[in-house]
PDB file of N, CA and C in Angstrom:
ATOM      1  N   UNK A   1      12.060  -9.021 -14.884  1.00  0.00           N
ATOM      2  CA  UNK A   1      12.427  -7.619 -14.999  1.00  0.00           C
ATOM      3  C   UNK A   1      11.581  -6.822 -14.000  1.00  0.00           C
ATOM      4  N   UNK A   2      12.219  -5.984 -13.214  1.00  0.00           N
ATOM      5  CA  UNK A   2      11.505  -5.143 -12.253  1.00  0.00           C
ATOM      6  C   UNK A   2      10.856  -3.961 -12.982  1.00  0.00           C
ATOM      7  N   UNK A   3       9.962  -3.285 -12.289  1.00  0.00           N
ATOM      8  CA  UNK A   3       9.323  -2.110 -12.878  1.00  0.00           C
ATOM      9  C   UNK A   3      10.356  -1.032 -13.194  1.00  0.00           C
ATOM     10  N   UNK A   4      11.296  -0.832 -12.291  1.00  0.00           N
ATOM     11  CA  UNK A   4      12.351   0.158 -12.512  1.00  0.00           C
ATOM     12  C   UNK A   4      13.196  -0.196 -13.739  1.00  0.00           C
ATOM     13  N   UNK A   5      13.545  -1.472 -13.860  1.00  0.00           N
ATOM     14  CA  UNK A   5      14.315  -1.921 -15.026  1.00  0.00           C
ATOM     15  C   UNK A   5      13.504  -1.732 -16.305  1.00  0.00           C
ATOM     16  N   UNK A   6      12.215  -2.017 -16.238  1.00  0.00           N
ATOM     17  CA  UNK A   6      11.352  -1.867 -17.405  1.00  0.00           C
ATOM     18  C   UNK A   6      11.274  -0.399 -17.827  1.00  0.00           C
ATOM     19  N   UNK A   7      11.093   0.494 -16.866  1.00  0.00           N
ATOM     20  CA  UNK A   7      11.014   1.915 -17.192  1.00  0.00           C
ATOM     21  C   UNK A   7      12.310   2.386 -17.843  1.00  0.00           C
ATOM     22  N   UNK A   8      13.437   1.924 -17.321  1.00  0.00           N
ATOM     23  CA  UNK A   8      14.731   2.270 -17.916  1.00  0.00           C
ATOM     24  C   UNK A   8      14.850   1.690 -19.319  1.00  0.00           C
ATOM     25  N   UNK A   9      14.395   0.459 -19.498  1.00  0.00           N
ATOM     26  CA  UNK A   9      14.455  -0.187 -20.821  1.00  0.00           C
ATOM     27  C   UNK A   9      13.644   0.597 -21.849  1.00  0.00           C
ATOM     28  N   UNK A  10      12.445   1.011 -21.467  1.00  0.00           N
ATOM     29  CA  UNK A  10      11.597   1.785 -22.376  1.00  0.00           C
ATOM     30  C   UNK A  10      12.284   3.102 -22.741  1.00  0.00           C
ATOM     31  N   UNK A  11      12.914   3.740 -21.755  1.00  0.00           N
ATOM     32  CA  UNK A  11      13.620   4.999 -22.024  1.00  0.00           C
ATOM     33  C   UNK A  11      14.786   4.766 -22.975  1.00  0.00           C
ATOM     34  N   UNK A  12      15.522   3.678 -22.773  1.00  0.00           N
ATOM     35  CA  UNK A  12      16.653   3.354 -23.642  1.00  0.00           C
ATOM     36  C   UNK A  12      16.178   3.058 -25.065  1.00  0.00           C
ATOM     37  N   UNK A  13      15.103   2.304 -25.177  1.00  0.00           N
ATOM     38  CA  UNK A  13      14.589   1.923 -26.496  1.00  0.00           C
ATOM     39  C   UNK A  13      13.980   3.099 -27.257  1.00  0.00           C
ATOM     40  N   UNK A  14      13.181   3.897 -26.578  1.00  0.00           N
ATOM     41  CA  UNK A  14      12.338   4.872 -27.272  1.00  0.00           C
ATOM     42  C   UNK A  14      12.453   6.305 -26.760  1.00  0.00           C
ATOM     43  N   UNK A  15      13.357   6.578 -25.826  1.00  0.00           N
ATOM     44  CA  UNK A  15      13.416   7.885 -25.162  1.00  0.00           C
ATOM     45  C   UNK A  15      13.481   9.083 -26.085  1.00  0.00           C
ATOM     46  N   UNK A  16      14.327   9.024 -27.113  1.00  0.00           N
ATOM     47  CA  UNK A  16      14.453  10.166 -28.026  1.00  0.00           C
ATOM     48  C   UNK A  16      13.162  10.401 -28.803  1.00  0.00           C
ATOM     49  N   UNK A  17      12.573   9.334 -29.321  1.00  0.00           N
ATOM     50  CA  UNK A  17      11.303   9.460 -30.049  1.00  0.00           C
ATOM     51  C   UNK A  17      10.212   9.993 -29.130  1.00  0.00           C
ATOM     52  N   UNK A  18      10.179   9.462 -27.907  1.00  0.00           N
ATOM     53  CA  UNK A  18       9.146   9.869 -26.957  1.00  0.00           C
ATOM     54  C   UNK A  18       9.265  11.347 -26.613  1.00  0.00           C
ATOM     55  N   UNK A  19      10.492  11.818 -26.411  1.00  0.00           N
ATOM     56  CA  UNK A  19      10.711  13.230 -26.085  1.00  0.00           C
ATOM     57  C   UNK A  19      10.242  14.125 -27.228  1.00  0.00           C
ATOM     58  N   UNK A  20      10.503  13.714 -28.469  1.00  0.00           N
ATOM     59  CA  UNK A  20      10.055  14.503 -29.630  1.00  0.00           C
ATOM     60  C   UNK A  20       8.530  14.520 -29.726  1.00  0.00           C
ATOM     61  N   UNK A  21       7.899  13.404 -29.391  1.00  0.00           N
ATOM     62  CA  UNK A  21       6.441  13.300 -29.478  1.00  0.00           C
ATOM     63  C   UNK A  21       5.774  14.141 -28.392  1.00  0.00           C
ATOM     64  N   UNK A  22       6.395  14.211 -27.225  1.00  0.00           N
ATOM     65  CA  UNK A  22       5.864  15.003 -26.121  1.00  0.00           C
ATOM     66  C   UNK A  22       4.739  14.314 -25.373  1.00  0.00           C
ATOM     67  N   UNK A  23       4.308  14.972 -24.312  1.00  0.00           N
ATOM     68  CA  UNK A  23       3.272  14.400 -23.448  1.00  0.00           C
ATOM     69  C   UNK A  23       1.953  14.235 -24.194  1.00  0.00           C
ATOM     70  N   UNK A  24       1.539  15.261 -24.926  1.00  0.00           N
ATOM     71  CA  UNK A  24       0.229  15.212 -25.580  1.00  0.00           C
ATOM     72  C   UNK A  24       0.145  14.069 -26.588  1.00  0.00           C
ATOM     73  N   UNK A  25       1.139  13.969 -27.460  1.00  0.00           N
ATOM     74  CA  UNK A  25       1.138  12.897 -28.457  1.00  0.00           C
ATOM     75  C   UNK A  25       1.257  11.527 -27.827  1.00  0.00           C
ATOM     76  N   UNK A  26       2.081  11.429 -26.808  1.00  0.00           N
ATOM     77  CA  UNK A  26       2.267  10.150 -26.129  1.00  0.00           C
ATOM     78  C   UNK A  26       1.005   9.745 -25.389  1.00  0.00           C
ATOM     79  N   UNK A  27       0.333  10.711 -24.788  1.00  0.00           N
ATOM     80  CA  UNK A  27      -0.905  10.395 -24.074  1.00  0.00           C
ATOM     81  C   UNK A  27      -1.953   9.845 -25.036  1.00  0.00           C
ATOM     82  N   UNK A  28      -2.001  10.366 -26.242  1.00  0.00           N
ATOM     83  CA  UNK A  28      -2.955   9.842 -27.232  1.00  0.00           C
ATOM     84  C   UNK A  28      -2.641   8.383 -27.564  1.00  0.00           C
ATOM     85  N   UNK A  29      -1.356   8.050 -27.730  1.00  0.00           N
ATOM     86  CA  UNK A  29      -0.974   6.660 -27.979  1.00  0.00           C
ATOM     87  C   UNK A  29      -1.348   5.780 -26.791  1.00  0.00           C
ATOM     88  N   UNK A  30      -1.099   6.286 -25.575  1.00  0.00           N
ATOM     89  CA  UNK A  30      -1.443   5.550 -24.362  1.00  0.00           C
ATOM     90  C   UNK A  30      -2.941   5.245 -24.336  1.00  0.00           C
ATOM     91  N   UNK A  31      -3.753   6.252 -24.619  1.00  0.00           N
ATOM     92  CA  UNK A  31      -5.205   6.047 -24.593  1.00  0.00           C
ATOM     93  C   UNK A  31      -5.650   5.061 -25.675  1.00  0.00           C
ATOM     94  N   UNK A  32      -5.003   5.090 -26.820  1.00  0.00           N
ATOM     95  CA  UNK A  32      -5.319   4.120 -27.868  1.00  0.00           C
ATOM     96  C   UNK A  32      -5.048   2.704 -27.373  1.00  0.00           C
ATOM     97  N   UNK A  33      -3.921   2.513 -26.696  1.00  0.00           N
ATOM     98  CA  UNK A  33      -3.593   1.184 -26.163  1.00  0.00           C
ATOM     99  C   UNK A  33      -4.567   0.763 -25.068  1.00  0.00           C
ATOM    100  N   UNK A  34      -4.987   1.707 -24.225  1.00  0.00           N
ATOM    101  CA  UNK A  34      -5.988   1.390 -23.202  1.00  0.00           C
ATOM    102  C   UNK A  34      -7.285   0.961 -23.882  1.00  0.00           C
ATOM    103  N   UNK A  35      -7.639   1.631 -24.965  1.00  0.00           N
ATOM    104  CA  UNK A  35      -8.828   1.246 -25.727  1.00  0.00           C
ATOM    105  C   UNK A  35      -8.709  -0.154 -26.306  1.00  0.00           C
ATOM    106  N   UNK A  36      -7.521  -0.493 -26.816  1.00  0.00           N
ATOM    107  CA  UNK A  36      -7.305  -1.842 -27.346  1.00  0.00           C
ATOM    108  C   UNK A  36      -7.399  -2.884 -26.236  1.00  0.00           C
ATOM    109  N   UNK A  37      -6.869  -2.570 -25.068  1.00  0.00           N
ATOM    110  CA  UNK A  37      -6.974  -3.493 -23.938  1.00  0.00           C
ATOM    111  C   UNK A  37      -8.430  -3.656 -23.525  1.00  0.00           C
ATOM    112  N   UNK A  38      -9.159  -2.564 -23.491  1.00  0.00           N
ATOM    113  CA  UNK A  38     -10.580  -2.616 -23.155  1.00  0.00           C
ATOM    114  C   UNK A  38     -11.341  -3.510 -24.123  1.00  0.00           C
ATOM    115  N   UNK A  39     -11.096  -3.323 -25.401  1.00  0.00           N
ATOM    116  CA  UNK A  39     -11.756  -4.153 -26.414  1.00  0.00           C
ATOM    117  C   UNK A  39     -11.363  -5.615 -26.259  1.00  0.00           C
ATOM    118  N   UNK A  40     -10.096  -5.857 -25.969  1.00  0.00           N
ATOM    119  CA  UNK A  40      -9.615  -7.229 -25.798  1.00  0.00           C
ATOM    120  C   UNK A  40     -10.297  -7.901 -24.616  1.00  0.00           C
ATOM    121  N   UNK A  41     -10.454  -7.176 -23.541  1.00  0.00           N
ATOM    122  CA  UNK A  41     -11.115  -7.739 -22.366  1.00  0.00           C
ATOM    123  C   UNK A  41     -12.587  -8.020 -22.644  1.00  0.00           C
ATOM    124  N   UNK A  42     -13.238  -7.132 -23.380  1.00  0.00           N
ATOM    125  CA  UNK A  42     -14.658  -7.313 -23.696  1.00  0.00           C
ATOM    126  C   UNK A  42     -14.886  -8.409 -24.729  1.00  0.00           C
ATOM    127  N   UNK A  43     -14.034  -8.490 -25.715  1.00  0.00           N
ATOM    128  CA  UNK A  43     -14.275  -9.368 -26.852  1.00  0.00           C
ATOM    129  C   UNK A  43     -13.506 -10.672 -26.795  1.00  0.00           C
ATOM    130  N   UNK A  44     -12.691 -10.866 -25.790  1.00  0.00           N
ATOM    131  CA  UNK A  44     -11.962 -12.126 -25.688  1.00  0.00           C
ATOM    132  C   UNK A  44     -10.785 -12.221 -26.635  1.00  0.00           C
ATOM    133  N   UNK A  45     -10.259 -11.105 -27.083  1.00  0.00           N
ATOM    134  CA  UNK A  45      -9.074 -11.044 -27.944  1.00  0.00           C
ATOM    135  C   UNK A  45      -9.246 -11.802 -29.257  1.00  0.00           C
ATOM    136  N   UNK A  46      -9.482 -11.063 -30.285  1.00  0.00           N
ATOM    137  CA  UNK A  46      -9.589 -11.650 -31.625  1.00  0.00           C
ATOM    138  C   UNK A  46      -8.458 -11.203 -32.530  1.00  0.00           C
ATOM    139  N   UNK A  47      -7.477 -10.508 -31.966  1.00  0.00           N
ATOM    140  CA  UNK A  47      -6.363  -9.994 -32.778  1.00  0.00           C
ATOM    141  C   UNK A  47      -5.594 -11.149 -33.402  1.00  0.00           C
ATOM    142  N   UNK A  48      -5.225 -10.982 -34.633  1.00  0.00           N
ATOM    143  CA  UNK A  48      -4.457 -12.005 -35.345  1.00  0.00           C
ATOM    144  C   UNK A  48      -2.984 -11.655 -35.320  1.00  0.00           C
ATOM    145  N   UNK A  49      -2.158 -12.677 -35.449  1.00  0.00           N
ATOM    146  CA  UNK A  49      -0.737 -12.476 -35.645  1.00  0.00           C
ATOM    147  C   UNK A  49       0.028 -11.958 -34.448  1.00  0.00           C
ATOM    148  N   UNK A  50      -0.323 -12.402 -33.260  1.00  0.00           N
ATOM    149  CA  UNK A  50       0.431 -11.967 -32.081  1.00  0.00           C
ATOM    150  C   UNK A  50       1.852 -12.496 -32.167  1.00  0.00           C
ATOM    151  N   UNK A  51       2.848 -11.642 -31.926  1.00  0.00           N
ATOM    152  CA  UNK A  51       4.233 -12.105 -31.998  1.00  0.00           C
ATOM    153  C   UNK A  51       4.519 -13.167 -30.952  1.00  0.00           C
ATOM    154  N   UNK A  52       5.264 -14.184 -31.355  1.00  0.00           N
ATOM    155  CA  UNK A  52       5.647 -15.235 -30.424  1.00  0.00           C
ATOM    156  C   UNK A  52       4.640 -16.355 -30.301  1.00  0.00           C
ATOM    157  N   UNK A  53       3.557 -16.277 -31.049  1.00  0.00           N
ATOM    158  CA  UNK A  53       2.542 -17.323 -30.973  1.00  0.00           C
ATOM    159  C   UNK A  53       2.427 -17.981 -32.341  1.00  0.00           C
ATOM    160  N   UNK A  54       2.874 -19.215 -32.429  1.00  0.00           N
ATOM    161  CA  UNK A  54       2.768 -19.941 -33.689  1.00  0.00           C
ATOM    162  C   UNK A  54       1.486 -20.756 -33.682  1.00  0.00           C
ATOM    163  N   UNK A  55       0.773 -20.717 -34.796  1.00  0.00           N
ATOM    164  CA  UNK A  55      -0.468 -21.478 -34.893  1.00  0.00           C
ATOM    165  C   UNK A  55      -0.220 -22.943 -34.598  1.00  0.00           C
ATOM    166  N   UNK A  56      -1.130 -23.520 -33.847  1.00  0.00           N
ATOM    167  CA  UNK A  56      -1.060 -24.943 -33.558  1.00  0.00           C
ATOM    168  C   UNK A  56      -0.324 -25.291 -32.282  1.00  0.00           C
ATOM    169  N   UNK A  57       0.498 -24.395 -31.758  1.00  0.00           N
ATOM    170  CA  UNK A  57       1.245 -24.703 -30.546  1.00  0.00           C
ATOM    171  C   UNK A  57       0.445 -24.411 -29.284  1.00  0.00           C
ATOM    172  N   UNK A  58      -0.498 -23.497 -29.363  1.00  0.00           N
ATOM    173  CA  UNK A  58      -1.313 -23.139 -28.212  1.00  0.00           C
ATOM    174  C   UNK A  58      -2.780 -23.383 -28.517  1.00  0.00           C
ATOM    175  N   UNK A  59      -3.527 -23.734 -27.493  1.00  0.00           N
ATOM    176  CA  UNK A  59      -4.972 -23.859 -27.661  1.00  0.00           C
ATOM    177  C   UNK A  59      -5.544 -22.465 -27.903  1.00  0.00           C
ATOM    178  N   UNK A  60      -6.755 -22.374 -28.431  1.00  0.00           N
ATOM    179  CA  UNK A  60      -7.358 -21.048 -28.625  1.00  0.00           C
ATOM    180  C   UNK A  60      -7.421 -20.238 -27.324  1.00  0.00           C
ATOM    181  N   UNK A  61      -7.725 -20.877 -26.205  1.00  0.00           N
ATOM    182  CA  UNK A  61      -7.783 -20.164 -24.924  1.00  0.00           C
ATOM    183  C   UNK A  61      -6.402 -19.674 -24.509  1.00  0.00           C
ATOM    184  N   UNK A  62      -5.376 -20.490 -24.711  1.00  0.00           N
ATOM    185  CA  UNK A  62      -4.012 -20.079 -24.375  1.00  0.00           C
ATOM    186  C   UNK A  62      -3.563 -18.925 -25.265  1.00  0.00           C
ATOM    187  N   UNK A  63      -3.918 -18.993 -26.544  1.00  0.00           N
ATOM    188  CA  UNK A  63      -3.544 -17.930 -27.477  1.00  0.00           C
ATOM    189  C   UNK A  63      -4.223 -16.618 -27.083  1.00  0.00           C
ATOM    190  N   UNK A  64      -5.512 -16.677 -26.726  1.00  0.00           N
ATOM    191  CA  UNK A  64      -6.216 -15.462 -26.296  1.00  0.00           C
ATOM    192  C   UNK A  64      -5.562 -14.871 -25.048  1.00  0.00           C
ATOM    193  N   UNK A  65      -5.192 -15.746 -24.107  1.00  0.00           N
ATOM    194  CA  UNK A  65      -4.556 -15.264 -22.879  1.00  0.00           C
ATOM    195  C   UNK A  65      -3.206 -14.611 -23.190  1.00  0.00           C
ATOM    196  N   UNK A  66      -2.442 -15.229 -24.085  1.00  0.00           N
ATOM    197  CA  UNK A  66      -1.147 -14.666 -24.480  1.00  0.00           C
ATOM    198  C   UNK A  66      -1.336 -13.307 -25.148  1.00  0.00           C
ATOM    199  N   UNK A  67      -2.278 -13.219 -26.049  1.00  0.00           N
ATOM    200  CA  UNK A  67      -2.532 -11.964 -26.756  1.00  0.00           C
ATOM    201  C   UNK A  67      -3.022 -10.885 -25.795  1.00  0.00           C
ATOM    202  N   UNK A  68      -3.845 -11.269 -24.826  1.00  0.00           N
ATOM    203  CA  UNK A  68      -4.311 -10.326 -23.819  1.00  0.00           C
ATOM    204  C   UNK A  68      -3.131  -9.818 -22.991  1.00  0.00           C
ATOM    205  N   UNK A  69      -2.228 -10.717 -22.641  1.00  0.00           N
ATOM    206  CA  UNK A  69      -1.031 -10.327 -21.887  1.00  0.00           C
ATOM    207  C   UNK A  69      -0.211  -9.303 -22.670  1.00  0.00           C
ATOM    208  N   UNK A  70      -0.122  -9.468 -23.986  1.00  0.00           N
ATOM    209  CA  UNK A  70       0.608  -8.501 -24.813  1.00  0.00           C
ATOM    210  C   UNK A  70      -0.053  -7.128 -24.790  1.00  0.00           C
ATOM    211  N   UNK A  71      -1.374  -7.092 -24.735  1.00  0.00           N
ATOM    212  CA  UNK A  71      -2.079  -5.807 -24.635  1.00  0.00           C
ATOM    213  C   UNK A  71      -1.776  -5.135 -23.298  1.00  0.00           C
ATOM    214  N   UNK A  72      -1.751  -5.919 -22.214  1.00  0.00           N
ATOM    215  CA  UNK A  72      -1.364  -5.357 -20.916  1.00  0.00           C
ATOM    216  C   UNK A  72       0.054  -4.793 -20.990  1.00  0.00           C
ATOM    217  N   UNK A  73       0.956  -5.518 -21.650  1.00  0.00           N
ATOM    218  CA  UNK A  73       2.344  -5.058 -21.789  1.00  0.00           C
ATOM    219  C   UNK A  73       2.408  -3.747 -22.565  1.00  0.00           C
ATOM    220  N   UNK A  74       1.608  -3.619 -23.615  1.00  0.00           N
ATOM    221  CA  UNK A  74       1.578  -2.375 -24.389  1.00  0.00           C
ATOM    222  C   UNK A  74       1.134  -1.201 -23.516  1.00  0.00           C
ATOM    223  N   UNK A  75       0.083  -1.405 -22.726  1.00  0.00           N
ATOM    224  CA  UNK A  75      -0.409  -0.333 -21.855  1.00  0.00           C
ATOM    225  C   UNK A  75       0.662   0.063 -20.844  1.00  0.00           C
ATOM    226  N   UNK A  76       1.316  -0.933 -20.252  1.00  0.00           N
ATOM    227  CA  UNK A  76       2.367  -0.641 -19.277  1.00  0.00           C
ATOM    228  C   UNK A  76       3.533   0.105 -19.933  1.00  0.00           C
ATOM    229  N   UNK A  77       3.878  -0.275 -21.160  1.00  0.00           N
ATOM    230  CA  UNK A  77       4.974   0.399 -21.868  1.00  0.00           C
ATOM    231  C   UNK A  77       4.648   1.867 -22.121  1.00  0.00           C
ATOM    232  N   UNK A  78       3.431   2.154 -22.545  1.00  0.00           N
ATOM    233  CA  UNK A  78       3.060   3.547 -22.801  1.00  0.00           C
ATOM    234  C   UNK A  78       2.925   4.327 -21.500  1.00  0.00           C
ATOM    235  N   UNK A  79       2.517   3.677 -20.408  1.00  0.00           N
ATOM    236  CA  UNK A  79       2.486   4.345 -19.109  1.00  0.00           C
ATOM    237  C   UNK A  79       3.908   4.687 -18.662  1.00  0.00           C
ATOM    238  N   UNK A  80       4.831   3.758 -18.850  1.00  0.00           N
ATOM    239  CA  UNK A  80       6.239   4.014 -18.520  1.00  0.00           C
ATOM    240  C   UNK A  80       6.791   5.150 -19.379  1.00  0.00           C
ATOM    241  N   UNK A  81       6.382   5.206 -20.628  1.00  0.00           N
ATOM    242  CA  UNK A  81       6.804   6.286 -21.520  1.00  0.00           C
ATOM    243  C   UNK A  81       6.333   7.638 -20.994  1.00  0.00           C
ATOM    244  N   UNK A  82       5.058   7.707 -20.611  1.00  0.00           N
ATOM    245  CA  UNK A  82       4.537   8.954 -20.049  1.00  0.00           C
ATOM    246  C   UNK A  82       5.292   9.345 -18.785  1.00  0.00           C
ATOM    247  N   UNK A  83       5.555   8.375 -17.932  1.00  0.00           N
ATOM    248  CA  UNK A  83       6.301   8.649 -16.700  1.00  0.00           C
ATOM    249  C   UNK A  83       7.702   9.160 -17.024  1.00  0.00           C
ATOM    250  N   UNK A  84       8.342   8.571 -18.014  1.00  0.00           N
ATOM    251  CA  UNK A  84       9.676   9.032 -18.410  1.00  0.00           C
ATOM    252  C   UNK A  84       9.647  10.483 -18.878  1.00  0.00           C
ATOM    253  N   UNK A  85       8.692  10.810 -19.724  1.00  0.00           N
ATOM    254  CA  UNK A  85       8.592  12.177 -20.235  1.00  0.00           C
ATOM    255  C   UNK A  85       8.325  13.157 -19.090  1.00  0.00           C
ATOM    256  N   UNK A  86       7.493  12.737 -18.132  1.00  0.00           N
ATOM    257  CA  UNK A  86       7.151  13.588 -16.990  1.00  0.00           C
ATOM    258  C   UNK A  86       8.200  13.527 -15.879  1.00  0.00           C
ATOM    259  N   UNK A  87       9.245  12.730 -16.101  1.00  0.00           N
ATOM    260  CA  UNK A  87      10.325  12.551 -15.126  1.00  0.00           C
ATOM    261  C   UNK A  87       9.808  12.033 -13.785  1.00  0.00           C
ATOM    262  N   UNK A  88       8.938  11.020 -13.866  1.00  0.00           N
ATOM    263  CA  UNK A  88       8.392  10.359 -12.682  1.00  0.00           C
ATOM    264  C   UNK A  88       8.980   8.961 -12.595  1.00  0.00           C
ATOM    265  N   UNK A  89       9.549   8.637 -11.455  1.00  0.00           N
ATOM    266  CA  UNK A  89      10.063   7.295 -11.184  1.00  0.00           C
ATOM    267  C   UNK A  89       8.882   6.460 -10.700  1.00  0.00           C
ATOM    268  N   UNK A  90       8.385   5.572 -11.557  1.00  0.00           N
ATOM    269  CA  UNK A  90       7.212   4.778 -11.208  1.00  0.00           C
ATOM    270  C   UNK A  90       7.431   3.935  -9.961  1.00  0.00           C
ATOM    271  N   UNK A  91       8.596   3.349  -9.825  1.00  0.00           N
ATOM    272  CA  UNK A  91       8.890   2.516  -8.663  1.00  0.00           C
ATOM    273  C   UNK A  91       8.764   3.334  -7.373  1.00  0.00           C
ATOM    274  N   UNK A  92       9.340   4.519  -7.360  1.00  0.00           N
ATOM    275  CA  UNK A  92       9.266   5.385  -6.181  1.00  0.00           C
ATOM    276  C   UNK A  92       7.833   5.855  -5.929  1.00  0.00           C
ATOM    277  N   UNK A  93       7.108   6.174  -6.997  1.00  0.00           N
ATOM    278  CA  UNK A  93       5.728   6.630  -6.853  1.00  0.00           C
ATOM    279  C   UNK A  93       4.844   5.529  -6.269  1.00  0.00           C
ATOM    280  N   UNK A  94       5.037   4.312  -6.742  1.00  0.00           N
ATOM    281  CA  UNK A  94       4.243   3.190  -6.241  1.00  0.00           C
ATOM    282  C   UNK A  94       4.581   2.899  -4.785  1.00  0.00           C
ATOM    283  N   UNK A  95       5.859   2.948  -4.458  1.00  0.00           N
ATOM    284  CA  UNK A  95       6.270   2.730  -3.065  1.00  0.00           C
ATOM    285  C   UNK A  95       5.667   3.799  -2.156  1.00  0.00           C
ATOM    286  N   UNK A  96       5.698   5.054  -2.598  1.00  0.00           N
ATOM    287  CA  UNK A  96       5.153   6.144  -1.791  1.00  0.00           C
ATOM    288  C   UNK A  96       3.645   6.004  -1.592  1.00  0.00           C
ATOM    289  N   UNK A  97       2.949   5.548  -2.620  1.00  0.00           N
ATOM    290  CA  UNK A  97       1.484   5.466  -2.541  1.00  0.00           C
ATOM    291  C   UNK A  97       1.001   4.186  -1.875  1.00  0.00           C
ATOM    292  N   UNK A  98       1.623   3.049  -2.193  1.00  0.00           N
ATOM    293  CA  UNK A  98       1.108   1.749  -1.744  1.00  0.00           C
ATOM    294  C   UNK A  98       2.066   0.969  -0.848  1.00  0.00           C
ATOM    295  N   UNK A  99       3.217   1.532  -0.535  1.00  0.00           N
ATOM    296  CA  UNK A  99       4.236   0.812   0.223  1.00  0.00           C
ATOM    297  C   UNK A  99       3.824   0.401   1.622  1.00  0.00           C
ATOM    298  N   UNK A 100       2.902   1.144   2.241  1.00  0.00           N
ATOM    299  CA  UNK A 100       2.467   0.805   3.595  1.00  0.00           C
ATOM    300  C   UNK A 100       1.135   0.073   3.603  1.00  0.00           C
ATOM    301  N   UNK A 101       0.582  -0.215   2.444  1.00  0.00           N
ATOM    302  CA  UNK A 101      -0.718  -0.880   2.346  1.00  0.00           C
ATOM    303  C   UNK A 101      -1.693   0.002   1.599  1.00  0.00           C
ATOM    304  N   UNK A 102      -2.964  -0.200   1.871  1.00  0.00           N
ATOM    305  CA  UNK A 102      -4.010   0.610   1.243  1.00  0.00           C
ATOM    306  C   UNK A 102      -3.775   2.078   1.590  1.00  0.00           C
ATOM    307  N   UNK A 103      -3.822   2.976   0.599  1.00  0.00           N
ATOM    308  CA  UNK A 103      -3.590   4.391   0.875  1.00  0.00           C
ATOM    309  C   UNK A 103      -4.607   5.010   1.846  1.00  0.00           C
ATOM    310  N   UNK A 104      -5.803   4.418   1.959  1.00  0.00           N
ATOM    311  CA  UNK A 104      -6.829   4.983   2.844  1.00  0.00           C
ATOM    312  C   UNK A 104      -6.777   4.373   4.241  1.00  0.00           C
ATOM    313  N   UNK A 105      -6.855   3.046   4.319  1.00  0.00           N
ATOM    314  CA  UNK A 105      -6.924   2.400   5.636  1.00  0.00           C
ATOM    315  C   UNK A 105      -5.557   1.941   6.142  1.00  0.00           C
ATOM    316  N   UNK A 106      -4.551   1.969   5.290  1.00  0.00           N
ATOM    317  CA  UNK A 106      -3.175   1.568   5.601  1.00  0.00           C
ATOM    318  C   UNK A 106      -3.129   0.114   6.099  1.00  0.00           C
ATOM    319  N   UNK A 107      -3.981  -0.727   5.551  1.00  0.00           N
ATOM    320  CA  UNK A 107      -4.013  -2.146   5.910  1.00  0.00           C
ATOM    321  C   UNK A 107      -3.676  -2.992   4.685  1.00  0.00           C
ATOM    322  N   UNK A 108      -3.168  -4.192   4.942  1.00  0.00           N
ATOM    323  CA  UNK A 108      -2.931  -5.184   3.901  1.00  0.00           C
ATOM    324  C   UNK A 108      -3.483  -6.509   4.394  1.00  0.00           C
ATOM    325  N   UNK A 109      -4.530  -7.045   3.777  1.00  0.00           N
ATOM    326  CA  UNK A 109      -5.284  -6.464   2.656  1.00  0.00           C
ATOM    327  C   UNK A 109      -6.167  -5.300   3.114  1.00  0.00           C
ATOM    328  N   UNK A 110      -6.634  -4.552   2.138  1.00  0.00           N
ATOM    329  CA  UNK A 110      -7.504  -3.401   2.385  1.00  0.00           C
ATOM    330  C   UNK A 110      -8.777  -3.846   3.111  1.00  0.00           C
ATOM    331  N   UNK A 111      -9.183  -3.050   4.101  1.00  0.00           N
ATOM    332  CA  UNK A 111     -10.419  -3.334   4.832  1.00  0.00           C
ATOM    333  C   UNK A 111     -11.443  -2.216   4.639  1.00  0.00           C
ATOM    334  N   UNK A 112     -11.203  -1.334   3.678  1.00  0.00           N
ATOM    335  CA  UNK A 112     -12.148  -0.255   3.391  1.00  0.00           C
ATOM    336  C   UNK A 112     -13.473  -0.846   2.919  1.00  0.00           C
ATOM    337  N   UNK A 113     -14.554  -0.191   3.278  1.00  0.00           N
ATOM    338  CA  UNK A 113     -15.873  -0.587   2.799  1.00  0.00           C
ATOM    339  C   UNK A 113     -16.078   0.079   1.443  1.00  0.00           C
ATOM    340  N   UNK A 114     -16.383  -0.739   0.428  1.00  0.00           N
ATOM    341  CA  UNK A 114     -16.577  -0.187  -0.916  1.00  0.00           C
ATOM    342  C   UNK A 114     -17.897   0.552  -1.004  1.00  0.00           C
ATOM    343  N   UNK A 115     -17.863   1.693  -1.652  1.00  0.00           N
ATOM    344  CA  UNK A 115     -19.085   2.453  -1.894  1.00  0.00           C
ATOM    345  C   UNK A 115     -19.871   1.774  -2.998  1.00  0.00           C
ATOM    346  N   UNK A 116     -21.179   1.789  -2.873  1.00  0.00           N
ATOM    347  CA  UNK A 116     -22.027   1.198  -3.912  1.00  0.00           C
ATOM    348  C   UNK A 116     -22.100   2.148  -5.094  1.00  0.00           C
ATOM    349  N   UNK A 117     -22.085   1.580  -6.312  1.00  0.00           N
ATOM    350  CA  UNK A 117     -22.135   2.442  -7.513  1.00  0.00           C
ATOM    351  C   UNK A 117     -23.439   3.189  -7.653  1.00  0.00           C
TER     352      UNK A 117
END
């Protein structure tokens, strides 16, 4: 599924609910999902009951990776929701920003010197 198809799918599935919730409410859900992804990355995913994962079929490492992937999917879904509410075409925005390479040096791969923290 392409990003454009995914954004359309999210709008088809949840568009009416998302419009009623508005940007502010949706942004709070988005931030909650980002927090869950952050915790998953830090803690190695301890969430139980991930859909599509039956006990015994995957090793613990495979199950953690699958569950982590689901958290990434949740974040992307809520980002697509925000874009839909704001009437932003993510595919077009990404092409405009990154289509020619790095937005700063316009190279692929980027050759910018990273600033030290």
